[in-house]
Amino acid sequence: MSQKNEENVDPAGSTVMFQKFVSDNDEPEAAPRRSMTPYVLAGVGAVVAVAIIVAVVVTWS
C-alpha cells in the first residue's frame, strides 16, 4: 500500500479568502415581511361595523 503526498487543493479557492468574501459581501438583505395583523383587524372592524348598521336598520324598521 503506497501513500501519495499530494497537496490538498481547495477547489473553491482559499477557504480564508472565501470566508472574507462572505463576511465582506455587501449584498442587501431581504426586506422584512410586513405583518398581516393590521389588515386582518381592519377587515374584521369593517365587517363588525356593517353588522351593527344592519342590526340598527333592521331593529328600527
N, C-alpha and C. Protein backbone atom coordinates (compact mmCIF):
# COMPACT_ATOMS: atom_id res chain seq x y z
N MET A 1 0.84 -1.17 0.00
CA MET A 1 0.00 0.00 0.00
C MET A 1 0.89 1.23 0.00
N SER A 2 0.73 2.07 -0.96
CA SER A 2 1.57 3.26 -1.04
C SER A 2 0.74 4.51 -0.76
N GLN A 3 1.41 5.47 -0.17
CA GLN A 3 0.75 6.74 0.12
C GLN A 3 1.33 7.79 -0.79
N LYS A 4 0.46 8.60 -1.35
CA LYS A 4 0.92 9.69 -2.20
C LYS A 4 0.86 10.96 -1.39
N ASN A 5 1.90 11.72 -1.43
CA ASN A 5 1.92 13.02 -0.74
C ASN A 5 1.46 14.09 -1.71
N GLU A 6 0.16 14.17 -1.84
CA GLU A 6 -0.42 15.19 -2.72
C GLU A 6 -0.94 16.34 -1.87
N GLU A 7 -0.83 17.51 -2.43
CA GLU A 7 -1.37 18.69 -1.75
C GLU A 7 -2.88 18.65 -1.82
N ASN A 8 -3.53 18.94 -0.72
CA ASN A 8 -4.98 19.04 -0.73
C ASN A 8 -5.35 20.43 -1.23
N VAL A 9 -5.78 20.49 -2.47
CA VAL A 9 -6.12 21.77 -3.07
C VAL A 9 -7.62 22.00 -2.92
N ASP A 10 -7.95 23.14 -2.38
CA ASP A 10 -9.35 23.51 -2.21
C ASP A 10 -9.89 23.93 -3.57
N PRO A 11 -10.85 23.19 -4.14
CA PRO A 11 -11.33 23.52 -5.49
C PRO A 11 -12.04 24.87 -5.56
N ALA A 12 -12.52 25.38 -4.44
CA ALA A 12 -13.22 26.66 -4.46
C ALA A 12 -12.28 27.82 -4.17
N GLY A 13 -11.01 27.58 -4.08
CA GLY A 13 -10.06 28.62 -3.73
C GLY A 13 -9.75 28.57 -2.25
N SER A 14 -9.06 29.55 -1.80
CA SER A 14 -8.67 29.58 -0.40
C SER A 14 -9.91 29.74 0.49
N THR A 15 -10.02 28.89 1.47
CA THR A 15 -11.16 28.96 2.39
C THR A 15 -11.16 30.28 3.14
N VAL A 16 -9.99 30.75 3.50
CA VAL A 16 -9.90 32.03 4.21
C VAL A 16 -10.40 33.16 3.32
N MET A 17 -10.02 33.11 2.04
CA MET A 17 -10.48 34.15 1.12
C MET A 17 -12.00 34.07 0.94
N PHE A 18 -12.54 32.84 0.90
CA PHE A 18 -13.99 32.69 0.76
C PHE A 18 -14.71 33.24 1.97
N GLN A 19 -14.20 32.95 3.17
CA GLN A 19 -14.82 33.46 4.39
C GLN A 19 -14.77 34.99 4.42
N LYS A 20 -13.67 35.56 3.94
CA LYS A 20 -13.58 37.02 3.89
C LYS A 20 -14.60 37.58 2.91
N PHE A 21 -14.76 36.91 1.76
CA PHE A 21 -15.74 37.35 0.77
C PHE A 21 -17.15 37.32 1.37
N VAL A 22 -17.47 36.25 2.08
CA VAL A 22 -18.82 36.13 2.66
C VAL A 22 -19.03 37.20 3.71
N SER A 23 -18.03 37.45 4.55
CA SER A 23 -18.21 38.44 5.61
C SER A 23 -18.21 39.87 5.06
N ASP A 24 -17.55 40.11 3.92
CA ASP A 24 -17.50 41.45 3.34
C ASP A 24 -18.54 41.67 2.26
N ASN A 25 -19.37 40.67 1.99
CA ASN A 25 -20.35 40.77 0.92
C ASN A 25 -21.36 41.86 1.27
N ASP A 26 -21.52 42.83 0.37
CA ASP A 26 -22.41 43.97 0.62
C ASP A 26 -23.78 43.77 -0.01
N GLU A 27 -24.14 42.54 -0.27
CA GLU A 27 -25.45 42.28 -0.87
C GLU A 27 -26.53 42.64 0.14
N PRO A 28 -27.50 43.45 -0.26
CA PRO A 28 -28.54 43.87 0.70
C PRO A 28 -29.38 42.67 1.15
N GLU A 29 -29.77 42.72 2.41
CA GLU A 29 -30.62 41.66 2.93
C GLU A 29 -32.05 41.85 2.45
N ALA A 30 -32.80 40.78 2.45
CA ALA A 30 -34.19 40.86 2.02
C ALA A 30 -34.98 41.73 2.99
N ALA A 31 -35.90 42.48 2.44
CA ALA A 31 -36.73 43.36 3.28
C ALA A 31 -37.60 42.50 4.19
N PRO A 32 -37.76 42.93 5.42
CA PRO A 32 -38.60 42.14 6.34
C PRO A 32 -40.05 42.14 5.88
N ARG A 33 -40.71 41.03 6.10
CA ARG A 33 -42.11 40.92 5.68
C ARG A 33 -42.98 41.76 6.58
N ARG A 34 -43.97 42.40 5.96
CA ARG A 34 -44.91 43.21 6.73
C ARG A 34 -45.93 42.31 7.37
N SER A 35 -46.36 42.70 8.55
CA SER A 35 -47.34 41.92 9.30
C SER A 35 -48.72 42.06 8.66
N MET A 36 -49.48 40.98 8.67
CA MET A 36 -50.83 40.98 8.12
C MET A 36 -51.85 41.41 9.17
N THR A 37 -51.45 41.50 10.43
CA THR A 37 -52.38 41.80 11.52
C THR A 37 -53.19 43.07 11.31
N PRO A 38 -52.59 44.20 10.91
CA PRO A 38 -53.41 45.41 10.73
C PRO A 38 -54.50 45.23 9.66
N TYR A 39 -54.19 44.50 8.59
CA TYR A 39 -55.17 44.30 7.54
C TYR A 39 -56.31 43.39 8.02
N VAL A 40 -55.96 42.37 8.78
CA VAL A 40 -56.98 41.48 9.32
C VAL A 40 -57.89 42.24 10.28
N LEU A 41 -57.30 43.04 11.16
CA LEU A 41 -58.09 43.81 12.11
C LEU A 41 -58.99 44.83 11.40
N ALA A 42 -58.48 45.45 10.35
CA ALA A 42 -59.29 46.41 9.60
C ALA A 42 -60.47 45.70 8.92
N GLY A 43 -60.23 44.53 8.38
CA GLY A 43 -61.31 43.76 7.74
C GLY A 43 -62.36 43.34 8.76
N VAL A 44 -61.91 42.86 9.91
CA VAL A 44 -62.86 42.46 10.95
C VAL A 44 -63.65 43.67 11.44
N GLY A 45 -62.99 44.79 11.60
CA GLY A 45 -63.67 46.01 12.04
C GLY A 45 -64.72 46.45 11.05
N ALA A 46 -64.40 46.37 9.76
CA ALA A 46 -65.37 46.76 8.73
C ALA A 46 -66.59 45.84 8.75
N VAL A 47 -66.35 44.55 8.90
CA VAL A 47 -67.47 43.59 8.96
C VAL A 47 -68.34 43.86 10.18
N VAL A 48 -67.72 44.12 11.31
CA VAL A 48 -68.48 44.42 12.54
C VAL A 48 -69.28 45.71 12.37
N ALA A 49 -68.68 46.72 11.78
CA ALA A 49 -69.38 47.99 11.57
C ALA A 49 -70.60 47.80 10.68
N VAL A 50 -70.45 47.04 9.59
CA VAL A 50 -71.58 46.78 8.70
C VAL A 50 -72.65 45.99 9.44
N ALA A 51 -72.24 45.02 10.25
CA ALA A 51 -73.21 44.21 11.00
C ALA A 51 -73.99 45.08 11.99
N ILE A 52 -73.33 46.03 12.63
CA ILE A 52 -74.01 46.92 13.57
C ILE A 52 -75.01 47.81 12.83
N ILE A 53 -74.60 48.34 11.69
CA ILE A 53 -75.51 49.19 10.90
C ILE A 53 -76.73 48.39 10.46
N VAL A 54 -76.52 47.18 9.96
CA VAL A 54 -77.63 46.34 9.53
C VAL A 54 -78.54 46.03 10.71
N ALA A 55 -77.97 45.73 11.87
CA ALA A 55 -78.79 45.42 13.05
C ALA A 55 -79.63 46.63 13.46
N VAL A 56 -79.05 47.81 13.41
CA VAL A 56 -79.80 49.02 13.78
C VAL A 56 -80.92 49.27 12.78
N VAL A 57 -80.64 49.14 11.50
CA VAL A 57 -81.66 49.37 10.47
C VAL A 57 -82.79 48.36 10.60
N VAL A 58 -82.47 47.10 10.82
CA VAL A 58 -83.50 46.07 10.95
C VAL A 58 -84.31 46.29 12.22
N THR A 59 -83.66 46.71 13.30
CA THR A 59 -84.37 46.93 14.56
C THR A 59 -85.34 48.09 14.45
N TRP A 60 -84.98 49.16 13.79
CA TRP A 60 -85.81 50.37 13.75
C TRP A 60 -86.78 50.41 12.57
N SER A 61 -86.76 49.37 11.75
CA SER A 61 -87.69 49.42 10.62
C SER A 61 -88.87 48.49 10.80
